[in-house]
Amino acid sequence: MKGLPWGIVDIICFTAGPFCTLYFLSDFSHGPAGPGPFYYFYTYNSRLGLALGVTLICVGFLIRSFRKHQ
């Protein structure tokens, strides 16, 4: 795995991950799911975006830990 450019992997994981997470977390296209102003649900696309962002962050930490223990 020495052929991978680790700087680019870090940039992708630690900039795109938080960006996706914050973007889809603050996506206001979700609507009310029940009575009251505070019962909201996220659309399917927002949940996928949140999952993608969190996954990128976790992969970044796993790769960094793997490189540190090598």
PDB file of N, CA and C in Angstrom:
ATOM      1  N   MET A   1       0.813  -1.189   0.000  1.00  0.00           N
ATOM      2  CA  MET A   1       0.000   0.000   0.000  1.00  0.00           C
ATOM      3  C   MET A   1       0.860   1.258   0.000  1.00  0.00           C
ATOM      4  N   LYS A   2       2.103   1.148  -0.383  1.00  0.00           N
ATOM      5  CA  LYS A   2       2.961   2.320  -0.398  1.00  0.00           C
ATOM      6  C   LYS A   2       2.731   3.188  -1.623  1.00  0.00           C
ATOM      7  N   GLY A   3       2.014   2.682  -2.626  1.00  0.00           N
ATOM      8  CA  GLY A   3       1.806   3.442  -3.845  1.00  0.00           C
ATOM      9  C   GLY A   3       0.709   4.483  -3.752  1.00  0.00           C
ATOM     10  N   LEU A   4      -0.096   4.427  -2.690  1.00  0.00           N
ATOM     11  CA  LEU A   4      -1.179   5.393  -2.556  1.00  0.00           C
ATOM     12  C   LEU A   4      -0.653   6.733  -2.076  1.00  0.00           C
ATOM     13  N   PRO A   5      -1.125   7.811  -2.643  1.00  0.00           N
ATOM     14  CA  PRO A   5      -0.737   9.143  -2.145  1.00  0.00           C
ATOM     15  C   PRO A   5      -1.531   9.467  -0.876  1.00  0.00           C
ATOM     16  N   TRP A   6      -0.912   9.271   0.282  1.00  0.00           N
ATOM     17  CA  TRP A   6      -1.625   9.390   1.548  1.00  0.00           C
ATOM     18  C   TRP A   6      -2.088  10.809   1.830  1.00  0.00           C
ATOM     19  N   GLY A   7      -1.412  11.803   1.308  1.00  0.00           N
ATOM     20  CA  GLY A   7      -1.861  13.176   1.509  1.00  0.00           C
ATOM     21  C   GLY A   7      -3.215  13.429   0.864  1.00  0.00           C
ATOM     22  N   ILE A   8      -3.411  12.872  -0.312  1.00  0.00           N
ATOM     23  CA  ILE A   8      -4.694  13.036  -1.011  1.00  0.00           C
ATOM     24  C   ILE A   8      -5.797  12.276  -0.283  1.00  0.00           C
ATOM     25  N   VAL A   9      -5.473  11.099   0.232  1.00  0.00           N
ATOM     26  CA  VAL A   9      -6.458  10.327   0.990  1.00  0.00           C
ATOM     27  C   VAL A   9      -6.879  11.091   2.240  1.00  0.00           C
ATOM     28  N   ASP A  10      -5.914  11.696   2.945  1.00  0.00           N
ATOM     29  CA  ASP A  10      -6.244  12.497   4.126  1.00  0.00           C
ATOM     30  C   ASP A  10      -7.107  13.696   3.765  1.00  0.00           C
ATOM     31  N   ILE A  11      -6.785  14.358   2.676  1.00  0.00           N
ATOM     32  CA  ILE A  11      -7.571  15.514   2.250  1.00  0.00           C
ATOM     33  C   ILE A  11      -9.001  15.104   1.929  1.00  0.00           C
ATOM     34  N   ILE A  12      -9.153  13.997   1.221  1.00  0.00           N
ATOM     35  CA  ILE A  12     -10.498  13.540   0.866  1.00  0.00           C
ATOM     36  C   ILE A  12     -11.283  13.167   2.117  1.00  0.00           C
ATOM     37  N   CYS A  13     -10.656  12.408   3.006  1.00  0.00           N
ATOM     38  CA  CYS A  13     -11.380  11.925   4.182  1.00  0.00           C
ATOM     39  C   CYS A  13     -11.682  13.025   5.184  1.00  0.00           C
ATOM     40  N   PHE A  14     -10.745  13.939   5.397  1.00  0.00           N
ATOM     41  CA  PHE A  14     -10.919  14.925   6.460  1.00  0.00           C
ATOM     42  C   PHE A  14     -11.427  16.275   5.979  1.00  0.00           C
ATOM     43  N   THR A  15     -11.677  16.439   4.685  1.00  0.00           N
ATOM     44  CA  THR A  15     -12.369  17.649   4.229  1.00  0.00           C
ATOM     45  C   THR A  15     -13.722  17.302   3.626  1.00  0.00           C
ATOM     46  N   ALA A  16     -13.762  16.277   2.805  1.00  0.00           N
ATOM     47  CA  ALA A  16     -15.036  15.895   2.195  1.00  0.00           C
ATOM     48  C   ALA A  16     -15.976  15.259   3.219  1.00  0.00           C
ATOM     49  N   GLY A  17     -15.422  14.509   4.162  1.00  0.00           N
ATOM     50  CA  GLY A  17     -16.250  13.869   5.183  1.00  0.00           C
ATOM     51  C   GLY A  17     -17.000  14.868   6.046  1.00  0.00           C
ATOM     52  N   PRO A  18     -16.289  15.803   6.705  1.00  0.00           N
ATOM     53  CA  PRO A  18     -17.020  16.798   7.500  1.00  0.00           C
ATOM     54  C   PRO A  18     -17.924  17.704   6.660  1.00  0.00           C
ATOM     55  N   PHE A  19     -17.498  18.020   5.422  1.00  0.00           N
ATOM     56  CA  PHE A  19     -18.346  18.848   4.568  1.00  0.00           C
ATOM     57  C   PHE A  19     -19.665  18.141   4.275  1.00  0.00           C
ATOM     58  N   CYS A  20     -19.599  16.869   3.879  1.00  0.00           N
ATOM     59  CA  CYS A  20     -20.834  16.114   3.608  1.00  0.00           C
ATOM     60  C   CYS A  20     -21.699  16.008   4.854  1.00  0.00           C
ATOM     61  N   THR A  21     -21.069  15.736   5.986  1.00  0.00           N
ATOM     62  CA  THR A  21     -21.824  15.590   7.225  1.00  0.00           C
ATOM     63  C   THR A  21     -22.542  16.884   7.588  1.00  0.00           C
ATOM     64  N   LEU A  22     -21.825  17.993   7.562  1.00  0.00           N
ATOM     65  CA  LEU A  22     -22.456  19.258   7.933  1.00  0.00           C
ATOM     66  C   LEU A  22     -23.481  19.724   6.913  1.00  0.00           C
ATOM     67  N   TYR A  23     -23.202  19.479   5.642  1.00  0.00           N
ATOM     68  CA  TYR A  23     -24.148  19.897   4.608  1.00  0.00           C
ATOM     69  C   TYR A  23     -25.475  19.157   4.747  1.00  0.00           C
ATOM     70  N   PHE A  24     -25.406  17.842   4.882  1.00  0.00           N
ATOM     71  CA  PHE A  24     -26.643  17.081   4.964  1.00  0.00           C
ATOM     72  C   PHE A  24     -27.291  17.140   6.339  1.00  0.00           C
ATOM     73  N   LEU A  25     -26.513  17.467   7.366  1.00  0.00           N
ATOM     74  CA  LEU A  25     -27.100  17.665   8.685  1.00  0.00           C
ATOM     75  C   LEU A  25     -27.916  18.945   8.722  1.00  0.00           C
ATOM     76  N   SER A  26     -27.471  19.953   7.987  1.00  0.00           N
ATOM     77  CA  SER A  26     -28.192  21.217   7.955  1.00  0.00           C
ATOM     78  C   SER A  26     -29.107  21.330   6.743  1.00  0.00           C
ATOM     79  N   ASP A  27     -29.419  20.221   6.109  1.00  0.00           N
ATOM     80  CA  ASP A  27     -30.326  20.213   4.966  1.00  0.00           C
ATOM     81  C   ASP A  27     -31.741  20.442   5.470  1.00  0.00           C
ATOM     82  N   PHE A  28     -32.302  21.556   5.104  1.00  0.00           N
ATOM     83  CA  PHE A  28     -33.619  21.920   5.611  1.00  0.00           C
ATOM     84  C   PHE A  28     -34.748  21.528   4.669  1.00  0.00           C
ATOM     85  N   SER A  29     -34.499  20.533   3.830  1.00  0.00           N
ATOM     86  CA  SER A  29     -35.573  20.079   2.949  1.00  0.00           C
ATOM     87  C   SER A  29     -36.395  18.983   3.598  1.00  0.00           C
ATOM     88  N   HIS A  30     -36.082  18.640   4.843  1.00  0.00           N
ATOM     89  CA  HIS A  30     -36.896  17.648   5.533  1.00  0.00           C
ATOM     90  C   HIS A  30     -38.132  18.324   6.101  1.00  0.00           C
ATOM     91  N   GLY A  31     -39.156  17.560   6.340  1.00  0.00           N
ATOM     92  CA  GLY A  31     -40.412  18.145   6.774  1.00  0.00           C
ATOM     93  C   GLY A  31     -40.901  17.527   8.062  1.00  0.00           C
ATOM     94  N   PRO A  32     -41.983  18.044   8.566  1.00  0.00           N
ATOM     95  CA  PRO A  32     -42.506  17.540   9.829  1.00  0.00           C
ATOM     96  C   PRO A  32     -43.052  16.119   9.687  1.00  0.00           C
ATOM     97  N   ALA A  33     -42.799  15.322  10.709  1.00  0.00           N
ATOM     98  CA  ALA A  33     -43.265  13.942  10.693  1.00  0.00           C
ATOM     99  C   ALA A  33     -44.387  13.714  11.686  1.00  0.00           C
ATOM    100  N   GLY A  34     -44.665  14.680  12.517  1.00  0.00           N
ATOM    101  CA  GLY A  34     -45.715  14.509  13.509  1.00  0.00           C
ATOM    102  C   GLY A  34     -46.193  15.848  14.011  1.00  0.00           C
ATOM    103  N   PRO A  35     -47.011  15.829  15.052  1.00  0.00           N
ATOM    104  CA  PRO A  35     -47.515  17.090  15.594  1.00  0.00           C
ATOM    105  C   PRO A  35     -46.413  17.836  16.335  1.00  0.00           C
ATOM    106  N   GLY A  36     -46.440  19.117  16.252  1.00  0.00           N
ATOM    107  CA  GLY A  36     -45.458  19.931  16.955  1.00  0.00           C
ATOM    108  C   GLY A  36     -44.356  20.406  16.031  1.00  0.00           C
ATOM    109  N   PRO A  37     -43.652  21.439  16.432  1.00  0.00           N
ATOM    110  CA  PRO A  37     -42.630  22.033  15.559  1.00  0.00           C
ATOM    111  C   PRO A  37     -41.288  21.307  15.573  1.00  0.00           C
ATOM    112  N   PHE A  38     -41.075  20.366  16.482  1.00  0.00           N
ATOM    113  CA  PHE A  38     -39.753  19.788  16.640  1.00  0.00           C
ATOM    114  C   PHE A  38     -39.654  18.332  16.192  1.00  0.00           C
ATOM    115  N   TYR A  39     -40.670  17.815  15.569  1.00  0.00           N
ATOM    116  CA  TYR A  39     -40.631  16.424  15.092  1.00  0.00           C
ATOM    117  C   TYR A  39     -40.318  16.432  13.610  1.00  0.00           C
ATOM    118  N   TYR A  40     -39.058  16.200  13.281  1.00  0.00           N
ATOM    119  CA  TYR A  40     -38.622  16.246  11.898  1.00  0.00           C
ATOM    120  C   TYR A  40     -37.985  14.925  11.504  1.00  0.00           C
ATOM    121  N   PHE A  41     -38.019  14.636  10.234  1.00  0.00           N
ATOM    122  CA  PHE A  41     -37.327  13.475   9.711  1.00  0.00           C
ATOM    123  C   PHE A  41     -36.446  13.933   8.564  1.00  0.00           C
ATOM    124  N   TYR A  42     -35.394  13.173   8.295  1.00  0.00           N
ATOM    125  CA  TYR A  42     -34.510  13.473   7.171  1.00  0.00           C
ATOM    126  C   TYR A  42     -34.917  12.609   5.992  1.00  0.00           C
ATOM    127  N   THR A  43     -34.801  13.168   4.803  1.00  0.00           N
ATOM    128  CA  THR A  43     -35.125  12.406   3.606  1.00  0.00           C
ATOM    129  C   THR A  43     -34.081  11.319   3.397  1.00  0.00           C
ATOM    130  N   TYR A  44     -34.386  10.419   2.489  1.00  0.00           N
ATOM    131  CA  TYR A  44     -33.477   9.304   2.208  1.00  0.00           C
ATOM    132  C   TYR A  44     -32.122   9.811   1.708  1.00  0.00           C
ATOM    133  N   ASN A  45     -32.129  10.818   0.844  1.00  0.00           N
ATOM    134  CA  ASN A  45     -30.873  11.377   0.334  1.00  0.00           C
ATOM    135  C   ASN A  45     -30.056  12.022   1.448  1.00  0.00           C
ATOM    136  N   SER A  46     -30.698  12.678   2.390  1.00  0.00           N
ATOM    137  CA  SER A  46     -29.978  13.281   3.502  1.00  0.00           C
ATOM    138  C   SER A  46     -29.351  12.217   4.387  1.00  0.00           C
ATOM    139  N   ARG A  47     -30.082  11.124   4.613  1.00  0.00           N
ATOM    140  CA  ARG A  47     -29.511  10.045   5.427  1.00  0.00           C
ATOM    141  C   ARG A  47     -28.325   9.393   4.730  1.00  0.00           C
ATOM    142  N   LEU A  48     -28.391   9.245   3.420  1.00  0.00           N
ATOM    143  CA  LEU A  48     -27.250   8.697   2.685  1.00  0.00           C
ATOM    144  C   LEU A  48     -26.056   9.643   2.741  1.00  0.00           C
ATOM    145  N   GLY A  49     -26.294  10.936   2.626  1.00  0.00           N
ATOM    146  CA  GLY A  49     -25.215  11.908   2.712  1.00  0.00           C
ATOM    147  C   GLY A  49     -24.570  11.933   4.081  1.00  0.00           C
ATOM    148  N   LEU A  50     -25.384  11.852   5.132  1.00  0.00           N
ATOM    149  CA  LEU A  50     -24.836  11.783   6.489  1.00  0.00           C
ATOM    150  C   LEU A  50     -24.000  10.524   6.673  1.00  0.00           C
ATOM    151  N   ALA A  51     -24.502   9.410   6.181  1.00  0.00           N
ATOM    152  CA  ALA A  51     -23.760   8.153   6.294  1.00  0.00           C
ATOM    153  C   ALA A  51     -22.450   8.223   5.518  1.00  0.00           C
ATOM    154  N   LEU A  52     -22.461   8.826   4.344  1.00  0.00           N
ATOM    155  CA  LEU A  52     -21.240   8.965   3.548  1.00  0.00           C
ATOM    156  C   LEU A  52     -20.216   9.833   4.266  1.00  0.00           C
ATOM    157  N   GLY A  53     -20.639  10.941   4.826  1.00  0.00           N
ATOM    158  CA  GLY A  53     -19.725  11.830   5.530  1.00  0.00           C
ATOM    159  C   GLY A  53     -19.101  11.176   6.749  1.00  0.00           C
ATOM    160  N   VAL A  54     -19.915  10.509   7.552  1.00  0.00           N
ATOM    161  CA  VAL A  54     -19.404   9.840   8.745  1.00  0.00           C
ATOM    162  C   VAL A  54     -18.487   8.684   8.357  1.00  0.00           C
ATOM    163  N   THR A  55     -18.822   7.979   7.285  1.00  0.00           N
ATOM    164  CA  THR A  55     -17.978   6.879   6.822  1.00  0.00           C
ATOM    165  C   THR A  55     -16.622   7.393   6.352  1.00  0.00           C
ATOM    166  N   LEU A  56     -16.590   8.490   5.632  1.00  0.00           N
ATOM    167  CA  LEU A  56     -15.318   9.053   5.187  1.00  0.00           C
ATOM    168  C   LEU A  56     -14.439   9.466   6.375  1.00  0.00           C
ATOM    169  N   ILE A  57     -15.045  10.061   7.384  1.00  0.00           N
ATOM    170  CA  ILE A  57     -14.281  10.457   8.561  1.00  0.00           C
ATOM    171  C   ILE A  57     -13.724   9.218   9.273  1.00  0.00           C
ATOM    172  N   CYS A  58     -14.545   8.199   9.434  1.00  0.00           N
ATOM    173  CA  CYS A  58     -14.091   6.977  10.107  1.00  0.00           C
ATOM    174  C   CYS A  58     -12.995   6.278   9.314  1.00  0.00           C
ATOM    175  N   VAL A  59     -13.130   6.232   8.000  1.00  0.00           N
ATOM    176  CA  VAL A  59     -12.089   5.619   7.163  1.00  0.00           C
ATOM    177  C   VAL A  59     -10.785   6.408   7.288  1.00  0.00           C
ATOM    178  N   GLY A  60     -10.874   7.713   7.346  1.00  0.00           N
ATOM    179  CA  GLY A  60      -9.686   8.530   7.523  1.00  0.00           C
ATOM    180  C   GLY A  60      -8.971   8.226   8.832  1.00  0.00           C
ATOM    181  N   PHE A  61      -9.731   8.101   9.918  1.00  0.00           N
ATOM    182  CA  PHE A  61      -9.112   7.766  11.197  1.00  0.00           C
ATOM    183  C   PHE A  61      -8.544   6.351  11.200  1.00  0.00           C
ATOM    184  N   LEU A  62      -9.232   5.405  10.563  1.00  0.00           N
ATOM    185  CA  LEU A  62      -8.715   4.038  10.492  1.00  0.00           C
ATOM    186  C   LEU A  62      -7.420   3.966   9.692  1.00  0.00           C
ATOM    187  N   ILE A  63      -7.355   4.665   8.579  1.00  0.00           N
ATOM    188  CA  ILE A  63      -6.136   4.667   7.756  1.00  0.00           C
ATOM    189  C   ILE A  63      -4.990   5.333   8.529  1.00  0.00           C
ATOM    190  N   ARG A  64      -5.289   6.425   9.218  1.00  0.00           N
ATOM    191  CA  ARG A  64      -4.243   7.104   9.982  1.00  0.00           C
ATOM    192  C   ARG A  64      -3.724   6.206  11.120  1.00  0.00           C
ATOM    193  N   SER A  65      -4.639   5.486  11.778  1.00  0.00           N
ATOM    194  CA  SER A  65      -4.220   4.563  12.825  1.00  0.00           C
ATOM    195  C   SER A  65      -3.415   3.399  12.259  1.00  0.00           C
ATOM    196  N   PHE A  66      -3.826   2.892  11.109  1.00  0.00           N
ATOM    197  CA  PHE A  66      -3.110   1.790  10.471  1.00  0.00           C
ATOM    198  C   PHE A  66      -1.689   2.214  10.085  1.00  0.00           C
ATOM    199  N   ARG A  67      -1.559   3.425   9.562  1.00  0.00           N
ATOM    200  CA  ARG A  67      -0.222   3.912   9.179  1.00  0.00           C
ATOM    201  C   ARG A  67       0.657   4.148  10.396  1.00  0.00           C
ATOM    202  N   LYS A  68       0.054   4.571  11.502  1.00  0.00           N
ATOM    203  CA  LYS A  68       0.835   4.842  12.716  1.00  0.00           C
ATOM    204  C   LYS A  68       1.362   3.543  13.324  1.00  0.00           C
ATOM    205  N   HIS A  69       0.616   2.451  13.182  1.00  0.00           N
ATOM    206  CA  HIS A  69       1.013   1.184  13.788  1.00  0.00           C
ATOM    207  C   HIS A  69       1.857   0.313  12.865  1.00  0.00           C
ATOM    208  N   GLN A  70       2.175   0.775  11.708  1.00  0.00           N
ATOM    209  CA  GLN A  70       3.008  -0.006  10.786  1.00  0.00           C
ATOM    210  C   GLN A  70       4.456   0.141  11.092  1.00  0.00           C
TER     211      GLN A  70
END
